[in-house]
Amino acid sequence: ALLLLKVDLALVFGLLAFLLNFIPNVGGVISTLLPMPVVVFDPTKSYMDIVLTFLIPTTVHAIVGNFVEPRVLGDAMELHPIVVLLSLVLWGSLWG
C-alpha cells in the first residue's frame, strides 16, 4: 500500500512491518505509525494520502488479526476460529 501511495522508504517500512508483526498487539500499531511522520511532513502529500497511509495498514491488521489468523490456526489445529480467538484474548491478557 505504501508503494502505491509513493511513500519514501516504503520498502524499509514494509520490512519493519514484517518484523514488528512478531510482537503481539503493539507490533501492528508501531508498524502502522512508523511511516506517518514521513508522510505528514512530506509537502507533496495530500490530506487523503495521510489518511490512507493510516487507514490501509490499520484495516489490514484488523482483518488479518481478527479473521484470517484465527481461521488458519483453527484449521491447522482443528479448532473452531472463535475458540482460537478467545484463547488469544485470554492468554494475551494474562501474559501480555
PDB file of N, CA and C in Angstrom:
ATOM      1  N   ALA A   1       0.828  -1.188   0.000  1.00  0.00           N
ATOM      2  CA  ALA A   1       0.000   0.000   0.000  1.00  0.00           C
ATOM      3  C   ALA A   1       0.871   1.250   0.000  1.00  0.00           C
ATOM      4  N   LEU A   2       1.983   1.205   0.730  1.00  0.00           N
ATOM      5  CA  LEU A   2       2.855   2.373   0.778  1.00  0.00           C
ATOM      6  C   LEU A   2       3.533   2.619  -0.564  1.00  0.00           C
ATOM      7  N   LEU A   3       3.811   1.548  -1.300  1.00  0.00           N
ATOM      8  CA  LEU A   3       4.390   1.723  -2.635  1.00  0.00           C
ATOM      9  C   LEU A   3       3.391   2.393  -3.579  1.00  0.00           C
ATOM     10  N   LEU A   4       2.124   2.020  -3.475  1.00  0.00           N
ATOM     11  CA  LEU A   4       1.103   2.624  -4.325  1.00  0.00           C
ATOM     12  C   LEU A   4       0.894   4.098  -3.996  1.00  0.00           C
ATOM     13  N   LEU A   5       1.085   4.455  -2.720  1.00  0.00           N
ATOM     14  CA  LEU A   5       0.951   5.852  -2.314  1.00  0.00           C
ATOM     15  C   LEU A   5       2.247   6.636  -2.515  1.00  0.00           C
ATOM     16  N   LYS A   6       3.279   5.954  -3.019  1.00  0.00           N
ATOM     17  CA  LYS A   6       4.583   6.557  -3.300  1.00  0.00           C
ATOM     18  C   LYS A   6       5.205   7.211  -2.068  1.00  0.00           C
ATOM     19  N   VAL A   7       5.166   6.465  -0.959  1.00  0.00           N
ATOM     20  CA  VAL A   7       5.781   6.927   0.284  1.00  0.00           C
ATOM     21  C   VAL A   7       7.277   6.650   0.206  1.00  0.00           C
ATOM     22  N   ASP A   8       8.078   7.633   0.610  1.00  0.00           N
ATOM     23  CA  ASP A   8       9.525   7.429   0.658  1.00  0.00           C
ATOM     24  C   ASP A   8       9.837   6.313   1.656  1.00  0.00           C
ATOM     25  N   LEU A   9      10.815   5.493   1.347  1.00  0.00           N
ATOM     26  CA  LEU A   9      11.266   4.377   2.196  1.00  0.00           C
ATOM     27  C   LEU A   9      10.172   3.326   2.410  1.00  0.00           C
ATOM     28  N   ALA A  10       9.300   3.138   1.434  1.00  0.00           N
ATOM     29  CA  ALA A  10       8.190   2.194   1.572  1.00  0.00           C
ATOM     30  C   ALA A  10       8.683   0.770   1.798  1.00  0.00           C
ATOM     31  N   LEU A  11       9.752   0.374   1.120  1.00  0.00           N
ATOM     32  CA  LEU A  11      10.270  -0.985   1.306  1.00  0.00           C
ATOM     33  C   LEU A  11      10.847  -1.183   2.700  1.00  0.00           C
ATOM     34  N   VAL A  12      11.487  -0.165   3.233  1.00  0.00           N
ATOM     35  CA  VAL A  12      12.026  -0.249   4.590  1.00  0.00           C
ATOM     36  C   VAL A  12      10.884  -0.387   5.596  1.00  0.00           C
ATOM     37  N   PHE A  13       9.837   0.402   5.412  1.00  0.00           N
ATOM     38  CA  PHE A  13       8.684   0.310   6.307  1.00  0.00           C
ATOM     39  C   PHE A  13       7.980  -1.038   6.165  1.00  0.00           C
ATOM     40  N   GLY A  14       7.962  -1.593   4.970  1.00  0.00           N
ATOM     41  CA  GLY A  14       7.387  -2.922   4.775  1.00  0.00           C
ATOM     42  C   GLY A  14       8.183  -3.994   5.492  1.00  0.00           C
ATOM     43  N   LEU A  15       9.508  -3.916   5.420  1.00  0.00           N
ATOM     44  CA  LEU A  15      10.360  -4.866   6.131  1.00  0.00           C
ATOM     45  C   LEU A  15      10.177  -4.731   7.636  1.00  0.00           C
ATOM     46  N   LEU A  16      10.126  -3.496   8.127  1.00  0.00           N
ATOM     47  CA  LEU A  16       9.905  -3.282   9.556  1.00  0.00           C
ATOM     48  C   LEU A  16       8.531  -3.795   9.993  1.00  0.00           C
ATOM     49  N   ALA A  17       7.521  -3.626   9.153  1.00  0.00           N
ATOM     50  CA  ALA A  17       6.188  -4.143   9.478  1.00  0.00           C
ATOM     51  C   ALA A  17       6.224  -5.661   9.581  1.00  0.00           C
ATOM     52  N   PHE A  18       6.951  -6.308   8.669  1.00  0.00           N
ATOM     53  CA  PHE A  18       7.086  -7.762   8.713  1.00  0.00           C
ATOM     54  C   PHE A  18       7.728  -8.197  10.030  1.00  0.00           C
ATOM     55  N   LEU A  19       8.791  -7.537  10.422  1.00  0.00           N
ATOM     56  CA  LEU A  19       9.500  -7.906  11.644  1.00  0.00           C
ATOM     57  C   LEU A  19       8.697  -7.553  12.895  1.00  0.00           C
ATOM     58  N   LEU A  20       8.052  -6.416  12.891  1.00  0.00           N
ATOM     59  CA  LEU A  20       7.304  -5.978  14.072  1.00  0.00           C
ATOM     60  C   LEU A  20       6.026  -6.780  14.298  1.00  0.00           C
ATOM     61  N   ASN A  21       5.514  -7.429  13.272  1.00  0.00           N
ATOM     62  CA  ASN A  21       4.297  -8.213  13.448  1.00  0.00           C
ATOM     63  C   ASN A  21       4.513  -9.454  14.309  1.00  0.00           C
ATOM     64  N   PHE A  22       5.761  -9.774  14.607  1.00  0.00           N
ATOM     65  CA  PHE A  22       6.031 -10.879  15.516  1.00  0.00           C
ATOM     66  C   PHE A  22       5.840 -10.472  16.970  1.00  0.00           C
ATOM     67  N   ILE A  23       5.700  -9.175  17.233  1.00  0.00           N
ATOM     68  CA  ILE A  23       5.426  -8.681  18.581  1.00  0.00           C
ATOM     69  C   ILE A  23       3.910  -8.558  18.722  1.00  0.00           C
ATOM     70  N   PRO A  24       3.311  -9.337  19.617  1.00  0.00           N
ATOM     71  CA  PRO A  24       1.848  -9.296  19.740  1.00  0.00           C
ATOM     72  C   PRO A  24       1.349  -7.914  20.174  1.00  0.00           C
ATOM     73  N   ASN A  25       0.229  -7.548  19.672  1.00  0.00           N
ATOM     74  CA  ASN A  25      -0.530  -6.339  19.997  1.00  0.00           C
ATOM     75  C   ASN A  25       0.157  -5.036  19.602  1.00  0.00           C
ATOM     76  N   VAL A  26       1.353  -4.765  20.059  1.00  0.00           N
ATOM     77  CA  VAL A  26       1.975  -3.469  19.791  1.00  0.00           C
ATOM     78  C   VAL A  26       2.726  -3.425  18.465  1.00  0.00           C
ATOM     79  N   GLY A  27       3.116  -4.569  17.930  1.00  0.00           N
ATOM     80  CA  GLY A  27       3.865  -4.587  16.679  1.00  0.00           C
ATOM     81  C   GLY A  27       3.094  -3.996  15.525  1.00  0.00           C
ATOM     82  N   GLY A  28       1.817  -4.330  15.425  1.00  0.00           N
ATOM     83  CA  GLY A  28       0.982  -3.775  14.359  1.00  0.00           C
ATOM     84  C   GLY A  28       0.774  -2.279  14.505  1.00  0.00           C
ATOM     85  N   VAL A  29       0.633  -1.824  15.735  1.00  0.00           N
ATOM     86  CA  VAL A  29       0.447  -0.394  15.983  1.00  0.00           C
ATOM     87  C   VAL A  29       1.710   0.373  15.618  1.00  0.00           C
ATOM     88  N   ILE A  30       2.854  -0.140  16.048  1.00  0.00           N
ATOM     89  CA  ILE A  30       4.123   0.532  15.753  1.00  0.00           C
ATOM     90  C   ILE A  30       4.376   0.548  14.249  1.00  0.00           C
ATOM     91  N   SER A  31       4.132  -0.581  13.591  1.00  0.00           N
ATOM     92  CA  SER A  31       4.394  -0.632  12.149  1.00  0.00           C
ATOM     93  C   SER A  31       3.436   0.264  11.358  1.00  0.00           C
ATOM     94  N   THR A  32       2.262   0.547  11.908  1.00  0.00           N
ATOM     95  CA  THR A  32       1.340   1.468  11.259  1.00  0.00           C
ATOM     96  C   THR A  32       1.761   2.917  11.471  1.00  0.00           C
ATOM     97  N   LEU A  33       2.277   3.221  12.646  1.00  0.00           N
ATOM     98  CA  LEU A  33       2.629   4.605  12.967  1.00  0.00           C
ATOM     99  C   LEU A  33       4.003   5.027  12.461  1.00  0.00           C
ATOM    100  N   LEU A  34       4.896   4.080  12.189  1.00  0.00           N
ATOM    101  CA  LEU A  34       6.243   4.436  11.750  1.00  0.00           C
ATOM    102  C   LEU A  34       6.295   5.309  10.487  1.00  0.00           C
ATOM    103  N   PRO A  35       5.555   5.012   9.438  1.00  0.00           N
ATOM    104  CA  PRO A  35       5.663   5.866   8.246  1.00  0.00           C
ATOM    105  C   PRO A  35       4.908   7.196   8.350  1.00  0.00           C
ATOM    106  N   MET A  36       4.144   7.395   9.398  1.00  0.00           N
ATOM    107  CA  MET A  36       3.321   8.598   9.486  1.00  0.00           C
ATOM    108  C   MET A  36       4.132   9.901   9.467  1.00  0.00           C
ATOM    109  N   PRO A  37       5.230  10.033  10.225  1.00  0.00           N
ATOM    110  CA  PRO A  37       5.984  11.298  10.142  1.00  0.00           C
ATOM    111  C   PRO A  37       6.528  11.576   8.743  1.00  0.00           C
ATOM    112  N   VAL A  38       6.927  10.527   8.040  1.00  0.00           N
ATOM    113  CA  VAL A  38       7.454  10.712   6.685  1.00  0.00           C
ATOM    114  C   VAL A  38       6.366  11.262   5.765  1.00  0.00           C
ATOM    115  N   VAL A  39       5.161  10.771   5.926  1.00  0.00           N
ATOM    116  CA  VAL A  39       4.053  11.205   5.069  1.00  0.00           C
ATOM    117  C   VAL A  39       3.528  12.574   5.501  1.00  0.00           C
ATOM    118  N   VAL A  40       3.413  12.785   6.804  1.00  0.00           N
ATOM    119  CA  VAL A  40       2.860  14.049   7.302  1.00  0.00           C
ATOM    120  C   VAL A  40       3.749  15.229   6.929  1.00  0.00           C
ATOM    121  N   PHE A  41       5.071  15.051   7.019  1.00  0.00           N
ATOM    122  CA  PHE A  41       5.982  16.164   6.756  1.00  0.00           C
ATOM    123  C   PHE A  41       6.438  16.261   5.298  1.00  0.00           C
ATOM    124  N   ASP A  42       5.881  15.414   4.436  1.00  0.00           N
ATOM    125  CA  ASP A  42       6.191  15.500   3.011  1.00  0.00           C
ATOM    126  C   ASP A  42       5.251  16.534   2.372  1.00  0.00           C
ATOM    127  N   PRO A  43       5.802  17.616   1.850  1.00  0.00           N
ATOM    128  CA  PRO A  43       4.920  18.672   1.316  1.00  0.00           C
ATOM    129  C   PRO A  43       4.140  18.267   0.064  1.00  0.00           C
ATOM    130  N   THR A  44       4.537  17.176  -0.589  1.00  0.00           N
ATOM    131  CA  THR A  44       3.828  16.762  -1.806  1.00  0.00           C
ATOM    132  C   THR A  44       2.630  15.869  -1.515  1.00  0.00           C
ATOM    133  N   LYS A  45       2.475  15.431  -0.279  1.00  0.00           N
ATOM    134  CA  LYS A  45       1.374  14.525   0.070  1.00  0.00           C
ATOM    135  C   LYS A  45       0.119  15.307   0.433  1.00  0.00           C
ATOM    136  N   SER A  46      -1.008  14.797  -0.028  1.00  0.00           N
ATOM    137  CA  SER A  46      -2.286  15.435   0.281  1.00  0.00           C
ATOM    138  C   SER A  46      -2.836  14.867   1.590  1.00  0.00           C
ATOM    139  N   TYR A  47      -3.908  15.482   2.051  1.00  0.00           N
ATOM    140  CA  TYR A  47      -4.567  15.005   3.263  1.00  0.00           C
ATOM    141  C   TYR A  47      -5.082  13.578   3.073  1.00  0.00           C
ATOM    142  N   MET A  48      -5.559  13.270   1.883  1.00  0.00           N
ATOM    143  CA  MET A  48      -6.059  11.923   1.597  1.00  0.00           C
ATOM    144  C   MET A  48      -4.934  10.894   1.666  1.00  0.00           C
ATOM    145  N   ASP A  49      -3.739  11.249   1.208  1.00  0.00           N
ATOM    146  CA  ASP A  49      -2.594  10.336   1.314  1.00  0.00           C
ATOM    147  C   ASP A  49      -2.275  10.027   2.770  1.00  0.00           C
ATOM    148  N   ILE A  50      -2.348  11.039   3.616  1.00  0.00           N
ATOM    149  CA  ILE A  50      -2.072  10.850   5.045  1.00  0.00           C
ATOM    150  C   ILE A  50      -3.106   9.913   5.658  1.00  0.00           C
ATOM    151  N   VAL A  51      -4.363  10.133   5.337  1.00  0.00           N
ATOM    152  CA  VAL A  51      -5.441   9.293   5.882  1.00  0.00           C
ATOM    153  C   VAL A  51      -5.302   7.856   5.376  1.00  0.00           C
ATOM    154  N   LEU A  52      -5.033   7.688   4.094  1.00  0.00           N
ATOM    155  CA  LEU A  52      -4.889   6.340   3.530  1.00  0.00           C
ATOM    156  C   LEU A  52      -3.662   5.622   4.083  1.00  0.00           C
ATOM    157  N   THR A  53      -2.588   6.358   4.345  1.00  0.00           N
ATOM    158  CA  THR A  53      -1.388   5.750   4.920  1.00  0.00           C
ATOM    159  C   THR A  53      -1.680   5.194   6.298  1.00  0.00           C
ATOM    160  N   PHE A  54      -2.623   5.777   6.998  1.00  0.00           N
ATOM    161  CA  PHE A  54      -3.015   5.252   8.310  1.00  0.00           C
ATOM    162  C   PHE A  54      -4.093   4.178   8.196  1.00  0.00           C
ATOM    163  N   LEU A  55      -5.103   4.416   7.370  1.00  0.00           N
ATOM    164  CA  LEU A  55      -6.258   3.516   7.326  1.00  0.00           C
ATOM    165  C   LEU A  55      -5.977   2.161   6.670  1.00  0.00           C
ATOM    166  N   ILE A  56      -5.189   2.135   5.621  1.00  0.00           N
ATOM    167  CA  ILE A  56      -4.963   0.868   4.916  1.00  0.00           C
ATOM    168  C   ILE A  56      -4.239  -0.140   5.802  1.00  0.00           C
ATOM    169  N   PRO A  57      -3.096   0.199   6.415  1.00  0.00           N
ATOM    170  CA  PRO A  57      -2.453  -0.789   7.287  1.00  0.00           C
ATOM    171  C   PRO A  57      -3.296  -1.151   8.509  1.00  0.00           C
ATOM    172  N   THR A  58      -4.020  -0.171   9.066  1.00  0.00           N
ATOM    173  CA  THR A  58      -4.869  -0.457  10.222  1.00  0.00           C
ATOM    174  C   THR A  58      -5.957  -1.455   9.853  1.00  0.00           C
ATOM    175  N   THR A  59      -6.578  -1.274   8.699  1.00  0.00           N
ATOM    176  CA  THR A  59      -7.624  -2.185   8.245  1.00  0.00           C
ATOM    177  C   THR A  59      -7.059  -3.574   7.962  1.00  0.00           C
ATOM    178  N   VAL A  60      -5.902  -3.620   7.324  1.00  0.00           N
ATOM    179  CA  VAL A  60      -5.290  -4.922   7.021  1.00  0.00           C
ATOM    180  C   VAL A  60      -4.943  -5.665   8.305  1.00  0.00           C
ATOM    181  N   HIS A  61      -4.352  -4.959   9.276  1.00  0.00           N
ATOM    182  CA  HIS A  61      -4.007  -5.604  10.546  1.00  0.00           C
ATOM    183  C   HIS A  61      -5.257  -6.106  11.273  1.00  0.00           C
ATOM    184  N   ALA A  62      -6.320  -5.320  11.239  1.00  0.00           N
ATOM    185  CA  ALA A  62      -7.553  -5.730  11.913  1.00  0.00           C
ATOM    186  C   ALA A  62      -8.163  -6.962  11.256  1.00  0.00           C
ATOM    187  N   ILE A  63      -8.214  -6.986   9.937  1.00  0.00           N
ATOM    188  CA  ILE A  63      -8.809  -8.128   9.233  1.00  0.00           C
ATOM    189  C   ILE A  63      -7.963  -9.387   9.427  1.00  0.00           C
ATOM    190  N   VAL A  64      -6.654  -9.243   9.272  1.00  0.00           N
ATOM    191  CA  VAL A  64      -5.778 -10.412   9.413  1.00  0.00           C
ATOM    192  C   VAL A  64      -5.801 -10.927  10.853  1.00  0.00           C
ATOM    193  N   GLY A  65      -5.713 -10.025  11.822  1.00  0.00           N
ATOM    194  CA  GLY A  65      -5.660 -10.446  13.219  1.00  0.00           C
ATOM    195  C   GLY A  65      -6.955 -11.019  13.753  1.00  0.00           C
ATOM    196  N   ASN A  66      -8.085 -10.534  13.257  1.00  0.00           N
ATOM    197  CA  ASN A  66      -9.371 -10.969  13.803  1.00  0.00           C
ATOM    198  C   ASN A  66     -10.093 -12.021  12.982  1.00  0.00           C
ATOM    199  N   PHE A  67      -9.720 -12.186  11.720  1.00  0.00           N
ATOM    200  CA  PHE A  67     -10.440 -13.141  10.880  1.00  0.00           C
ATOM    201  C   PHE A  67      -9.530 -14.196  10.258  1.00  0.00           C
ATOM    202  N   VAL A  68      -8.447 -13.773   9.640  1.00  0.00           N
ATOM    203  CA  VAL A  68      -7.597 -14.707   8.901  1.00  0.00           C
ATOM    204  C   VAL A  68      -6.811 -15.614   9.844  1.00  0.00           C
ATOM    205  N   GLU A  69      -6.094 -15.017  10.802  1.00  0.00           N
ATOM    206  CA  GLU A  69      -5.264 -15.830  11.696  1.00  0.00           C
ATOM    207  C   GLU A  69      -6.069 -16.838  12.515  1.00  0.00           C
ATOM    208  N   PRO A  70      -7.206 -16.455  13.143  1.00  0.00           N
ATOM    209  CA  PRO A  70      -7.983 -17.476  13.855  1.00  0.00           C
ATOM    210  C   PRO A  70      -8.479 -18.595  12.940  1.00  0.00           C
ATOM    211  N   ARG A  71      -8.835 -18.255  11.710  1.00  0.00           N
ATOM    212  CA  ARG A  71      -9.316 -19.279  10.774  1.00  0.00           C
ATOM    213  C   ARG A  71      -8.187 -20.239  10.419  1.00  0.00           C
ATOM    214  N   VAL A  72      -7.012 -19.703  10.094  1.00  0.00           N
ATOM    215  CA  VAL A  72      -5.873 -20.539   9.704  1.00  0.00           C
ATOM    216  C   VAL A  72      -5.407 -21.388  10.887  1.00  0.00           C
ATOM    217  N   LEU A  73      -5.269 -20.763  12.055  1.00  0.00           N
ATOM    218  CA  LEU A  73      -4.849 -21.524  13.231  1.00  0.00           C
ATOM    219  C   LEU A  73      -5.880 -22.575  13.615  1.00  0.00           C
ATOM    220  N   GLY A  74      -7.153 -22.213  13.517  1.00  0.00           N
ATOM    221  CA  GLY A  74      -8.205 -23.173  13.838  1.00  0.00           C
ATOM    222  C   GLY A  74      -8.214 -24.356  12.896  1.00  0.00           C
ATOM    223  N   ASP A  75      -8.004 -24.113  11.605  1.00  0.00           N
ATOM    224  CA  ASP A  75      -7.956 -25.205  10.633  1.00  0.00           C
ATOM    225  C   ASP A  75      -6.732 -26.085  10.868  1.00  0.00           C
ATOM    226  N   ALA A  76      -5.603 -25.460  11.199  1.00  0.00           N
ATOM    227  CA  ALA A  76      -4.375 -26.233  11.409  1.00  0.00           C
ATOM    228  C   ALA A  76      -4.476 -27.101  12.662  1.00  0.00           C
ATOM    229  N   MET A  77      -5.158 -26.591  13.683  1.00  0.00           N
ATOM    230  CA  MET A  77      -5.271 -27.347  14.938  1.00  0.00           C
ATOM    231  C   MET A  77      -6.632 -28.006  15.099  1.00  0.00           C
ATOM    232  N   GLU A  78      -7.453 -27.922  14.052  1.00  0.00           N
ATOM    233  CA  GLU A  78      -8.794 -28.491  14.053  1.00  0.00           C
ATOM    234  C   GLU A  78      -9.648 -27.946  15.195  1.00  0.00           C
ATOM    235  N   LEU A  79      -9.569 -26.623  15.382  1.00  0.00           N
ATOM    236  CA  LEU A  79     -10.377 -25.928  16.381  1.00  0.00           C
ATOM    237  C   LEU A  79     -11.247 -24.894  15.674  1.00  0.00           C
ATOM    238  N   HIS A  80     -12.346 -24.558  16.304  1.00  0.00           N
ATOM    239  CA  HIS A  80     -13.205 -23.513  15.764  1.00  0.00           C
ATOM    240  C   HIS A  80     -12.493 -22.167  15.898  1.00  0.00           C
ATOM    241  N   PRO A  81     -12.627 -21.277  14.906  1.00  0.00           N
ATOM    242  CA  PRO A  81     -11.929 -19.980  14.963  1.00  0.00           C
ATOM    243  C   PRO A  81     -12.243 -19.149  16.212  1.00  0.00           C
ATOM    244  N   ILE A  82     -13.464 -19.260  16.725  1.00  0.00           N
ATOM    245  CA  ILE A  82     -13.815 -18.491  17.925  1.00  0.00           C
ATOM    246  C   ILE A  82     -13.034 -19.004  19.130  1.00  0.00           C
ATOM    247  N   VAL A  83     -12.814 -20.313  19.196  1.00  0.00           N
ATOM    248  CA  VAL A  83     -12.015 -20.876  20.283  1.00  0.00           C
ATOM    249  C   VAL A  83     -10.588 -20.331  20.212  1.00  0.00           C
ATOM    250  N   VAL A  84     -10.048 -20.251  19.024  1.00  0.00           N
ATOM    251  CA  VAL A  84      -8.691 -19.719  18.849  1.00  0.00           C
ATOM    252  C   VAL A  84      -8.657 -18.250  19.246  1.00  0.00           C
ATOM    253  N   LEU A  85      -9.633 -17.459  18.810  1.00  0.00           N
ATOM    254  CA  LEU A  85      -9.675 -16.035  19.129  1.00  0.00           C
ATOM    255  C   LEU A  85      -9.831 -15.816  20.632  1.00  0.00           C
ATOM    256  N   LEU A  86     -10.709 -16.561  21.269  1.00  0.00           N
ATOM    257  CA  LEU A  86     -10.874 -16.437  22.718  1.00  0.00           C
ATOM    258  C   LEU A  86      -9.620 -16.872  23.463  1.00  0.00           C
ATOM    259  N   SER A  87      -8.961 -17.886  22.956  1.00  0.00           N
ATOM    260  CA  SER A  87      -7.698 -18.317  23.554  1.00  0.00           C
ATOM    261  C   SER A  87      -6.640 -17.229  23.448  1.00  0.00           C
ATOM    262  N   LEU A  88      -6.545 -16.582  22.289  1.00  0.00           N
ATOM    263  CA  LEU A  88      -5.591 -15.483  22.120  1.00  0.00           C
ATOM    264  C   LEU A  88      -5.902 -14.331  23.067  1.00  0.00           C
ATOM    265  N   VAL A  89      -7.176 -14.020  23.245  1.00  0.00           N
ATOM    266  CA  VAL A  89      -7.569 -12.941  24.150  1.00  0.00           C
ATOM    267  C   VAL A  89      -7.237 -13.316  25.584  1.00  0.00           C
ATOM    268  N   LEU A  90      -7.561 -14.527  26.000  1.00  0.00           N
ATOM    269  CA  LEU A  90      -7.304 -14.960  27.372  1.00  0.00           C
ATOM    270  C   LEU A  90      -5.812 -14.951  27.697  1.00  0.00           C
ATOM    271  N   TRP A  91      -5.039 -15.631  26.883  1.00  0.00           N
ATOM    272  CA  TRP A  91      -3.603 -15.728  27.168  1.00  0.00           C
ATOM    273  C   TRP A  91      -2.889 -14.403  26.928  1.00  0.00           C
ATOM    274  N   GLY A  92      -3.382 -13.614  26.001  1.00  0.00           N
ATOM    275  CA  GLY A  92      -2.798 -12.289  25.797  1.00  0.00           C
ATOM    276  C   GLY A  92      -3.025 -11.378  26.998  1.00  0.00           C
ATOM    277  N   SER A  93      -4.208 -11.486  27.617  1.00  0.00           N
ATOM    278  CA  SER A  93      -4.482 -10.663  28.803  1.00  0.00           C
ATOM    279  C   SER A  93      -3.714 -11.163  30.016  1.00  0.00           C
ATOM    280  N   LEU A  94      -3.487 -12.452  30.110  1.00  0.00           N
ATOM    281  CA  LEU A  94      -2.752 -12.994  31.253  1.00  0.00           C
ATOM    282  C   LEU A  94      -1.239 -12.764  31.142  1.00  0.00           C
ATOM    283  N   TRP A  95      -0.689 -12.994  29.956  1.00  0.00           N
ATOM    284  CA  TRP A  95       0.761 -12.959  29.789  1.00  0.00           C
ATOM    285  C   TRP A  95       1.254 -11.751  29.010  1.00  0.00           C
ATOM    286  N   GLY A  96       0.348 -10.968  28.499  1.00  0.00           N
ATOM    287  CA  GLY A  96       0.778  -9.738  27.809  1.00  0.00           C
ATOM    288  C   GLY A  96       1.131  -9.931  26.429  1.00  0.00           C
TER     289      GLY A  96
END
